[in-house]
Amino acid sequence: MEFKSLGSLALHMAAQEVVLLASLRAGLEKCAVKIEATAKGEIGHYQSGIGPFPAWADLADSTESQKSKMGYPSDAPLLASGDMQKSISHTTHALETVIGSTDEKMVYHEFGTLKMPARPVMGPAVFRNKEYIRRVLGMATVSGLIGGLAIHKSLGYDVTP
């Protein structure tokens, strides 16, 4: 690229960064939506192990009995009233996203306790989407870079290498 002044170089650099950051943020949001949906979908169904995360152990007979007495579905781990599943959400700000649950019991299920085996939800949801995340963020990066070049070309800047 050729720039006729330091001002045009500064404008180029600022615009390039803005377009790239916007594209990356959109990609990150897309990944967060996918991970949130995956995590919600894991609740109520026994999960196989993936990566460093163990397969879910069967619910204890006492737990199944208690769930049955309360009118909750049987053979549906972590699903009782559905509140835990509904509590999973995400927020994205700039280039940071937080995906989690506001249900205080989720941490006990994610990591287990001395009396209860771990039935992780959030970690496996991210791990199950690992390739999707790589693909989406990679495409967002390329799109942001190319989009920045397209903007400069439309402004009349020479964008040939």
N, C-alpha and C. Protein backbone atom coordinates (compact mmCIF):
# COMPACT_ATOMS: atom_id res chain seq x y z
N MET A 1 0.84 -1.18 0.00
CA MET A 1 0.00 0.00 0.00
C MET A 1 0.88 1.24 0.00
N GLU A 2 0.36 2.24 -0.59
CA GLU A 2 1.07 3.52 -0.59
C GLU A 2 0.20 4.56 0.09
N PHE A 3 0.83 5.38 0.90
CA PHE A 3 0.12 6.43 1.61
C PHE A 3 0.78 7.76 1.27
N LYS A 4 -0.03 8.75 0.99
CA LYS A 4 0.49 10.05 0.58
C LYS A 4 0.83 10.94 1.77
N SER A 5 0.38 10.53 2.96
CA SER A 5 0.68 11.33 4.15
C SER A 5 0.62 10.45 5.39
N LEU A 6 1.16 10.96 6.48
CA LEU A 6 1.05 10.24 7.75
C LEU A 6 -0.41 10.17 8.20
N GLY A 7 -1.17 11.17 7.86
CA GLY A 7 -2.60 11.19 8.20
C GLY A 7 -3.34 10.05 7.53
N SER A 8 -3.04 9.81 6.25
CA SER A 8 -3.72 8.72 5.55
C SER A 8 -3.28 7.36 6.11
N LEU A 9 -2.02 7.25 6.53
CA LEU A 9 -1.56 6.02 7.18
C LEU A 9 -2.29 5.81 8.50
N ALA A 10 -2.42 6.86 9.29
CA ALA A 10 -3.12 6.77 10.58
C ALA A 10 -4.58 6.39 10.38
N LEU A 11 -5.22 6.99 9.38
CA LEU A 11 -6.62 6.64 9.08
C LEU A 11 -6.73 5.17 8.68
N HIS A 12 -5.81 4.72 7.87
CA HIS A 12 -5.79 3.32 7.45
C HIS A 12 -5.67 2.39 8.66
N MET A 13 -4.74 2.67 9.53
CA MET A 13 -4.51 1.81 10.70
C MET A 13 -5.72 1.80 11.63
N ALA A 14 -6.31 2.94 11.85
CA ALA A 14 -7.48 3.02 12.74
C ALA A 14 -8.66 2.26 12.15
N ALA A 15 -8.92 2.46 10.87
CA ALA A 15 -10.05 1.78 10.22
C ALA A 15 -9.82 0.27 10.20
N GLN A 16 -8.60 -0.14 9.92
CA GLN A 16 -8.28 -1.57 9.87
C GLN A 16 -8.57 -2.22 11.22
N GLU A 17 -8.17 -1.57 12.29
CA GLU A 17 -8.38 -2.11 13.62
C GLU A 17 -9.87 -2.17 13.97
N VAL A 18 -10.61 -1.14 13.64
CA VAL A 18 -12.04 -1.10 13.94
C VAL A 18 -12.78 -2.23 13.23
N VAL A 19 -12.49 -2.43 11.96
CA VAL A 19 -13.15 -3.48 11.19
C VAL A 19 -12.77 -4.86 11.72
N LEU A 20 -11.51 -5.05 12.02
CA LEU A 20 -11.05 -6.34 12.54
C LEU A 20 -11.70 -6.64 13.89
N LEU A 21 -11.71 -5.67 14.79
CA LEU A 21 -12.31 -5.88 16.11
C LEU A 21 -13.81 -6.16 16.00
N ALA A 22 -14.50 -5.46 15.12
CA ALA A 22 -15.94 -5.70 14.94
C ALA A 22 -16.19 -7.11 14.42
N SER A 23 -15.37 -7.55 13.49
CA SER A 23 -15.53 -8.89 12.94
C SER A 23 -15.23 -9.96 14.00
N LEU A 24 -14.18 -9.75 14.78
CA LEU A 24 -13.85 -10.70 15.84
C LEU A 24 -14.93 -10.75 16.91
N ARG A 25 -15.48 -9.59 17.26
CA ARG A 25 -16.55 -9.57 18.26
C ARG A 25 -17.77 -10.32 17.75
N ALA A 26 -18.12 -10.14 16.49
CA ALA A 26 -19.26 -10.86 15.91
C ALA A 26 -19.00 -12.37 15.93
N GLY A 27 -17.78 -12.78 15.61
CA GLY A 27 -17.43 -14.19 15.66
C GLY A 27 -17.49 -14.74 17.06
N LEU A 28 -17.00 -13.98 18.02
CA LEU A 28 -17.03 -14.40 19.42
C LEU A 28 -18.47 -14.55 19.91
N GLU A 29 -19.33 -13.63 19.54
CA GLU A 29 -20.74 -13.71 19.91
C GLU A 29 -21.39 -14.97 19.32
N LYS A 30 -21.06 -15.26 18.08
CA LYS A 30 -21.60 -16.46 17.42
C LYS A 30 -21.15 -17.73 18.17
N CYS A 31 -19.90 -17.76 18.58
CA CYS A 31 -19.39 -18.90 19.35
C CYS A 31 -20.08 -19.01 20.71
N ALA A 32 -20.29 -17.89 21.37
CA ALA A 32 -20.95 -17.89 22.68
C ALA A 32 -22.37 -18.42 22.58
N VAL A 33 -23.09 -18.03 21.55
CA VAL A 33 -24.46 -18.52 21.34
C VAL A 33 -24.45 -20.04 21.17
N LYS A 34 -23.50 -20.54 20.39
CA LYS A 34 -23.39 -21.98 20.14
C LYS A 34 -23.04 -22.75 21.42
N ILE A 35 -22.10 -22.24 22.19
CA ILE A 35 -21.70 -22.91 23.44
C ILE A 35 -22.86 -22.90 24.43
N GLU A 36 -23.55 -21.78 24.55
CA GLU A 36 -24.71 -21.70 25.45
C GLU A 36 -25.76 -22.74 25.06
N ALA A 37 -26.07 -22.84 23.78
CA ALA A 37 -27.07 -23.82 23.32
C ALA A 37 -26.60 -25.25 23.60
N THR A 38 -25.32 -25.51 23.39
CA THR A 38 -24.79 -26.85 23.67
C THR A 38 -24.91 -27.18 25.15
N ALA A 39 -24.54 -26.24 26.01
CA ALA A 39 -24.62 -26.47 27.46
C ALA A 39 -26.06 -26.74 27.89
N LYS A 40 -26.99 -25.94 27.39
CA LYS A 40 -28.40 -26.16 27.74
C LYS A 40 -28.88 -27.52 27.25
N GLY A 41 -28.39 -27.94 26.09
CA GLY A 41 -28.78 -29.23 25.52
C GLY A 41 -28.22 -30.43 26.26
N GLU A 42 -27.15 -30.24 27.02
CA GLU A 42 -26.55 -31.34 27.76
C GLU A 42 -27.38 -31.70 28.99
N ILE A 43 -28.09 -30.74 29.53
CA ILE A 43 -28.86 -30.97 30.76
C ILE A 43 -30.06 -31.87 30.44
N GLY A 44 -30.22 -32.87 31.29
CA GLY A 44 -31.32 -33.81 31.13
C GLY A 44 -30.97 -35.07 30.37
N HIS A 45 -29.72 -35.14 29.89
CA HIS A 45 -29.27 -36.31 29.11
C HIS A 45 -27.89 -36.72 29.62
N TYR A 46 -27.71 -38.00 29.84
CA TYR A 46 -26.39 -38.48 30.26
C TYR A 46 -25.37 -38.15 29.18
N GLN A 47 -24.22 -37.62 29.60
CA GLN A 47 -23.19 -37.19 28.67
C GLN A 47 -22.00 -38.14 28.71
N SER A 48 -21.49 -38.44 27.53
CA SER A 48 -20.26 -39.23 27.46
C SER A 48 -19.09 -38.32 27.81
N GLY A 49 -18.00 -38.92 28.19
CA GLY A 49 -16.81 -38.13 28.49
C GLY A 49 -16.24 -37.53 27.22
N ILE A 50 -15.59 -36.40 27.37
CA ILE A 50 -14.93 -35.76 26.23
C ILE A 50 -13.71 -35.01 26.76
N GLY A 51 -12.59 -35.20 26.10
CA GLY A 51 -11.35 -34.55 26.54
C GLY A 51 -11.07 -34.89 28.00
N PRO A 52 -10.80 -33.89 28.81
CA PRO A 52 -10.50 -34.15 30.22
C PRO A 52 -11.75 -34.29 31.10
N PHE A 53 -12.93 -34.24 30.50
CA PHE A 53 -14.17 -34.25 31.26
C PHE A 53 -14.77 -35.66 31.31
N PRO A 54 -15.13 -36.12 32.50
CA PRO A 54 -15.63 -37.50 32.64
C PRO A 54 -17.05 -37.66 32.13
N ALA A 55 -17.38 -38.92 31.80
CA ALA A 55 -18.77 -39.25 31.49
C ALA A 55 -19.60 -39.08 32.76
N TRP A 56 -20.85 -38.78 32.59
CA TRP A 56 -21.72 -38.60 33.75
C TRP A 56 -22.08 -39.94 34.37
N ALA A 57 -21.95 -40.01 35.67
CA ALA A 57 -22.35 -41.20 36.42
C ALA A 57 -23.88 -41.25 36.49
N ASP A 58 -24.40 -42.47 36.61
CA ASP A 58 -25.85 -42.62 36.78
C ASP A 58 -26.28 -41.94 38.08
N LEU A 59 -27.50 -41.41 38.06
CA LEU A 59 -28.05 -40.82 39.28
C LEU A 59 -28.28 -41.93 40.31
N ALA A 60 -28.07 -41.59 41.56
CA ALA A 60 -28.31 -42.55 42.64
C ALA A 60 -29.80 -42.86 42.71
N ASP A 61 -30.12 -44.07 43.14
CA ASP A 61 -31.52 -44.46 43.29
C ASP A 61 -32.26 -43.51 44.23
N SER A 62 -31.59 -43.06 45.27
CA SER A 62 -32.22 -42.14 46.22
C SER A 62 -32.55 -40.80 45.55
N THR A 63 -31.68 -40.37 44.64
CA THR A 63 -31.94 -39.12 43.91
C THR A 63 -33.13 -39.29 42.98
N GLU A 64 -33.17 -40.42 42.28
CA GLU A 64 -34.29 -40.68 41.37
C GLU A 64 -35.60 -40.75 42.14
N SER A 65 -35.57 -41.38 43.30
CA SER A 65 -36.77 -41.50 44.13
C SER A 65 -37.25 -40.12 44.58
N GLN A 66 -36.31 -39.30 45.02
CA GLN A 66 -36.65 -37.95 45.48
C GLN A 66 -37.22 -37.12 44.33
N LYS A 67 -36.62 -37.21 43.14
CA LYS A 67 -37.11 -36.47 41.98
C LYS A 67 -38.53 -36.92 41.62
N SER A 68 -38.76 -38.21 41.70
CA SER A 68 -40.08 -38.77 41.37
C SER A 68 -41.15 -38.24 42.33
N LYS A 69 -40.83 -38.20 43.61
CA LYS A 69 -41.78 -37.70 44.61
C LYS A 69 -42.13 -36.24 44.37
N MET A 70 -41.19 -35.48 43.81
CA MET A 70 -41.41 -34.05 43.57
C MET A 70 -42.03 -33.78 42.20
N GLY A 71 -42.28 -34.85 41.44
CA GLY A 71 -42.89 -34.70 40.12
C GLY A 71 -41.93 -34.31 39.01
N TYR A 72 -40.64 -34.47 39.25
CA TYR A 72 -39.64 -34.13 38.25
C TYR A 72 -39.40 -35.33 37.34
N PRO A 73 -38.91 -35.09 36.13
CA PRO A 73 -38.67 -36.21 35.20
C PRO A 73 -37.61 -37.17 35.72
N SER A 74 -37.82 -38.45 35.47
CA SER A 74 -36.84 -39.45 35.89
C SER A 74 -35.80 -39.65 34.80
N ASP A 75 -34.68 -40.23 35.21
CA ASP A 75 -33.58 -40.53 34.29
C ASP A 75 -33.19 -39.30 33.46
N ALA A 76 -33.19 -38.13 34.10
CA ALA A 76 -32.85 -36.87 33.43
C ALA A 76 -31.89 -36.09 34.33
N PRO A 77 -30.60 -36.42 34.27
CA PRO A 77 -29.64 -35.79 35.17
C PRO A 77 -29.57 -34.27 35.01
N LEU A 78 -29.54 -33.59 36.14
CA LEU A 78 -29.48 -32.13 36.27
C LEU A 78 -30.76 -31.43 35.85
N LEU A 79 -31.75 -32.20 35.42
CA LEU A 79 -33.01 -31.58 35.02
C LEU A 79 -34.07 -31.91 36.05
N ALA A 80 -34.53 -30.91 36.73
CA ALA A 80 -35.64 -31.07 37.68
C ALA A 80 -36.71 -30.09 37.22
N SER A 81 -36.68 -28.89 37.74
CA SER A 81 -37.67 -27.88 37.37
C SER A 81 -37.32 -27.22 36.04
N GLY A 82 -36.09 -27.35 35.59
CA GLY A 82 -35.63 -26.68 34.37
C GLY A 82 -34.97 -25.34 34.65
N ASP A 83 -34.98 -24.94 35.93
CA ASP A 83 -34.40 -23.64 36.30
C ASP A 83 -32.90 -23.57 36.02
N MET A 84 -32.17 -24.66 36.29
CA MET A 84 -30.73 -24.64 36.05
C MET A 84 -30.45 -24.48 34.55
N GLN A 85 -31.18 -25.20 33.75
CA GLN A 85 -31.01 -25.12 32.30
C GLN A 85 -31.30 -23.70 31.80
N LYS A 86 -32.38 -23.11 32.30
CA LYS A 86 -32.75 -21.75 31.90
C LYS A 86 -31.75 -20.71 32.40
N SER A 87 -31.00 -21.04 33.45
CA SER A 87 -30.07 -20.06 34.03
C SER A 87 -28.79 -19.90 33.23
N ILE A 88 -28.57 -20.75 32.26
CA ILE A 88 -27.35 -20.67 31.45
C ILE A 88 -27.52 -19.55 30.43
N SER A 89 -26.56 -18.65 30.42
CA SER A 89 -26.61 -17.53 29.48
C SER A 89 -25.20 -17.04 29.20
N HIS A 90 -25.11 -16.03 28.37
CA HIS A 90 -23.81 -15.44 28.07
C HIS A 90 -23.93 -13.93 27.91
N THR A 91 -22.81 -13.26 28.09
CA THR A 91 -22.69 -11.84 27.79
C THR A 91 -21.37 -11.64 27.05
N THR A 92 -21.41 -10.76 26.08
CA THR A 92 -20.20 -10.46 25.31
C THR A 92 -19.98 -8.96 25.35
N HIS A 93 -18.77 -8.58 25.72
CA HIS A 93 -18.35 -7.18 25.72
C HIS A 93 -16.99 -7.11 25.05
N ALA A 94 -16.89 -6.27 24.05
CA ALA A 94 -15.64 -6.13 23.30
C ALA A 94 -15.16 -7.52 22.86
N LEU A 95 -13.96 -7.91 23.23
CA LEU A 95 -13.44 -9.22 22.84
C LEU A 95 -13.41 -10.18 24.01
N GLU A 96 -14.45 -10.14 24.84
CA GLU A 96 -14.55 -11.04 25.98
C GLU A 96 -15.99 -11.51 26.10
N THR A 97 -16.14 -12.79 26.31
CA THR A 97 -17.47 -13.34 26.53
C THR A 97 -17.45 -14.19 27.78
N VAL A 98 -18.54 -14.14 28.51
CA VAL A 98 -18.70 -14.96 29.71
C VAL A 98 -19.93 -15.81 29.50
N ILE A 99 -19.75 -17.12 29.63
CA ILE A 99 -20.84 -18.07 29.47
C ILE A 99 -20.93 -18.85 30.77
N GLY A 100 -22.09 -18.88 31.36
CA GLY A 100 -22.20 -19.58 32.63
C GLY A 100 -23.64 -19.67 33.10
N SER A 101 -23.78 -20.00 34.36
CA SER A 101 -25.07 -20.19 34.98
C SER A 101 -25.18 -19.34 36.23
N THR A 102 -26.35 -18.82 36.46
CA THR A 102 -26.59 -18.07 37.70
C THR A 102 -27.11 -18.99 38.80
N ASP A 103 -27.32 -20.25 38.49
CA ASP A 103 -27.78 -21.22 39.48
C ASP A 103 -26.58 -21.64 40.33
N GLU A 104 -26.68 -21.40 41.64
CA GLU A 104 -25.57 -21.68 42.55
C GLU A 104 -25.18 -23.16 42.57
N LYS A 105 -26.12 -24.05 42.26
CA LYS A 105 -25.83 -25.49 42.29
C LYS A 105 -24.98 -25.95 41.11
N MET A 106 -24.90 -25.13 40.06
CA MET A 106 -24.17 -25.55 38.86
C MET A 106 -22.70 -25.85 39.18
N VAL A 107 -22.09 -25.08 40.04
CA VAL A 107 -20.68 -25.30 40.36
C VAL A 107 -20.48 -26.68 41.00
N TYR A 108 -21.42 -27.13 41.80
CA TYR A 108 -21.31 -28.45 42.43
C TYR A 108 -21.41 -29.55 41.38
N HIS A 109 -22.26 -29.35 40.40
CA HIS A 109 -22.39 -30.34 39.34
C HIS A 109 -21.18 -30.31 38.41
N GLU A 110 -20.69 -29.13 38.13
CA GLU A 110 -19.55 -29.00 37.22
C GLU A 110 -18.30 -29.69 37.77
N PHE A 111 -18.06 -29.54 39.07
CA PHE A 111 -16.83 -30.07 39.66
C PHE A 111 -17.03 -31.25 40.60
N GLY A 112 -18.28 -31.53 40.98
CA GLY A 112 -18.57 -32.60 41.92
C GLY A 112 -18.28 -32.17 43.35
N THR A 113 -18.66 -33.03 44.28
CA THR A 113 -18.40 -32.80 45.70
C THR A 113 -17.89 -34.12 46.27
N LEU A 114 -17.66 -34.15 47.57
CA LEU A 114 -17.22 -35.40 48.19
C LEU A 114 -18.28 -36.48 48.06
N LYS A 115 -19.55 -36.10 48.01
CA LYS A 115 -20.63 -37.08 47.97
C LYS A 115 -21.32 -37.19 46.61
N MET A 116 -20.91 -36.35 45.66
CA MET A 116 -21.59 -36.34 44.36
C MET A 116 -20.55 -36.27 43.24
N PRO A 117 -20.66 -37.17 42.27
CA PRO A 117 -19.69 -37.13 41.17
C PRO A 117 -19.91 -35.90 40.29
N ALA A 118 -18.84 -35.47 39.65
CA ALA A 118 -18.94 -34.33 38.71
C ALA A 118 -19.79 -34.73 37.51
N ARG A 119 -20.63 -33.81 37.12
CA ARG A 119 -21.39 -33.93 35.88
C ARG A 119 -21.19 -32.59 35.16
N PRO A 120 -20.00 -32.40 34.60
CA PRO A 120 -19.66 -31.11 34.01
C PRO A 120 -20.50 -30.76 32.79
N VAL A 121 -20.86 -29.51 32.71
CA VAL A 121 -21.69 -29.00 31.62
C VAL A 121 -20.92 -27.98 30.79
N MET A 122 -20.39 -26.95 31.46
CA MET A 122 -19.78 -25.83 30.74
C MET A 122 -18.48 -26.24 30.03
N GLY A 123 -17.60 -26.92 30.74
CA GLY A 123 -16.33 -27.34 30.12
C GLY A 123 -16.56 -28.20 28.89
N PRO A 124 -17.38 -29.25 29.00
CA PRO A 124 -17.63 -30.07 27.81
C PRO A 124 -18.31 -29.31 26.67
N ALA A 125 -19.17 -28.34 27.01
CA ALA A 125 -19.83 -27.56 25.95
C ALA A 125 -18.80 -26.80 25.12
N VAL A 126 -17.79 -26.25 25.79
CA VAL A 126 -16.73 -25.56 25.06
C VAL A 126 -15.92 -26.58 24.26
N PHE A 127 -15.56 -27.70 24.90
CA PHE A 127 -14.74 -28.71 24.25
C PHE A 127 -15.44 -29.31 23.03
N ARG A 128 -16.74 -29.54 23.13
CA ARG A 128 -17.50 -30.11 22.00
C ARG A 128 -17.54 -29.15 20.81
N ASN A 129 -17.36 -27.89 21.07
CA ASN A 129 -17.41 -26.88 20.01
C ASN A 129 -16.04 -26.36 19.60
N LYS A 130 -14.99 -27.06 20.00
CA LYS A 130 -13.62 -26.60 19.76
C LYS A 130 -13.36 -26.30 18.29
N GLU A 131 -13.70 -27.19 17.41
CA GLU A 131 -13.45 -26.98 15.98
C GLU A 131 -14.33 -25.86 15.42
N TYR A 132 -15.57 -25.78 15.90
CA TYR A 132 -16.46 -24.71 15.48
C TYR A 132 -15.87 -23.36 15.87
N ILE A 133 -15.37 -23.26 17.10
CA ILE A 133 -14.77 -22.02 17.59
C ILE A 133 -13.56 -21.65 16.73
N ARG A 134 -12.71 -22.60 16.46
CA ARG A 134 -11.53 -22.33 15.61
C ARG A 134 -11.95 -21.83 14.24
N ARG A 135 -12.93 -22.50 13.64
CA ARG A 135 -13.38 -22.15 12.30
C ARG A 135 -14.01 -20.75 12.28
N VAL A 136 -14.91 -20.48 13.21
CA VAL A 136 -15.62 -19.20 13.23
C VAL A 136 -14.66 -18.04 13.53
N LEU A 137 -13.79 -18.21 14.52
CA LEU A 137 -12.87 -17.12 14.84
C LEU A 137 -11.81 -16.94 13.75
N GLY A 138 -11.43 -18.03 13.11
CA GLY A 138 -10.50 -17.91 11.97
C GLY A 138 -11.14 -17.16 10.82
N MET A 139 -12.38 -17.50 10.51
CA MET A 139 -13.09 -16.80 9.44
C MET A 139 -13.34 -15.34 9.81
N ALA A 140 -13.62 -15.07 11.08
CA ALA A 140 -13.83 -13.69 11.53
C ALA A 140 -12.55 -12.87 11.37
N THR A 141 -11.42 -13.49 11.65
CA THR A 141 -10.14 -12.80 11.50
C THR A 141 -9.88 -12.46 10.04
N VAL A 142 -10.03 -13.44 9.19
CA VAL A 142 -9.81 -13.21 7.75
C VAL A 142 -10.82 -12.19 7.22
N SER A 143 -12.07 -12.34 7.61
CA SER A 143 -13.10 -11.41 7.16
C SER A 143 -12.80 -9.99 7.63
N GLY A 144 -12.34 -9.84 8.86
CA GLY A 144 -11.99 -8.52 9.38
C GLY A 144 -10.84 -7.90 8.62
N LEU A 145 -9.85 -8.72 8.28
CA LEU A 145 -8.71 -8.21 7.52
C LEU A 145 -9.11 -7.84 6.10
N ILE A 146 -9.85 -8.71 5.45
CA ILE A 146 -10.30 -8.45 4.07
C ILE A 146 -11.29 -7.30 4.05
N GLY A 147 -12.18 -7.28 5.04
CA GLY A 147 -13.16 -6.19 5.13
C GLY A 147 -12.47 -4.85 5.28
N GLY A 148 -11.42 -4.82 6.05
CA GLY A 148 -10.65 -3.59 6.21
C GLY A 148 -10.03 -3.16 4.90
N LEU A 149 -9.53 -4.12 4.15
CA LEU A 149 -8.95 -3.81 2.84
C LEU A 149 -10.02 -3.30 1.89
N ALA A 150 -11.21 -3.91 1.94
CA ALA A 150 -12.30 -3.49 1.05
C ALA A 150 -12.73 -2.06 1.36
N ILE A 151 -12.76 -1.72 2.63
CA ILE A 151 -13.13 -0.34 3.01
C ILE A 151 -12.10 0.64 2.46
N HIS A 152 -10.82 0.32 2.61
CA HIS A 152 -9.78 1.22 2.12
C HIS A 152 -9.84 1.36 0.60
N LYS A 153 -10.11 0.27 -0.08
CA LYS A 153 -10.21 0.31 -1.53
C LYS A 153 -11.38 1.20 -1.94
N SER A 154 -12.52 1.07 -1.22
CA SER A 154 -13.69 1.89 -1.55
C SER A 154 -13.43 3.37 -1.29
N LEU A 155 -12.48 3.68 -0.41
CA LEU A 155 -12.12 5.08 -0.14
C LEU A 155 -11.08 5.60 -1.13
N GLY A 156 -10.64 4.72 -2.05
CA GLY A 156 -9.71 5.14 -3.06
C GLY A 156 -8.26 4.92 -2.74
N TYR A 157 -7.96 4.19 -1.66
CA TYR A 157 -6.58 3.91 -1.31
C TYR A 157 -6.07 2.74 -2.16
N ASP A 158 -4.81 2.77 -2.51
CA ASP A 158 -4.19 1.67 -3.24
C ASP A 158 -3.92 0.55 -2.25
N VAL A 159 -4.60 -0.59 -2.40
CA VAL A 159 -4.45 -1.70 -1.46
C VAL A 159 -3.67 -2.88 -2.06
N THR A 160 -3.04 -2.66 -3.18
CA THR A 160 -2.23 -3.74 -3.77
C THR A 160 -0.95 -3.90 -2.98
N PRO A 161 -0.50 -5.14 -2.81
CA PRO A 161 0.72 -5.37 -2.03
C PRO A 161 1.96 -4.79 -2.70
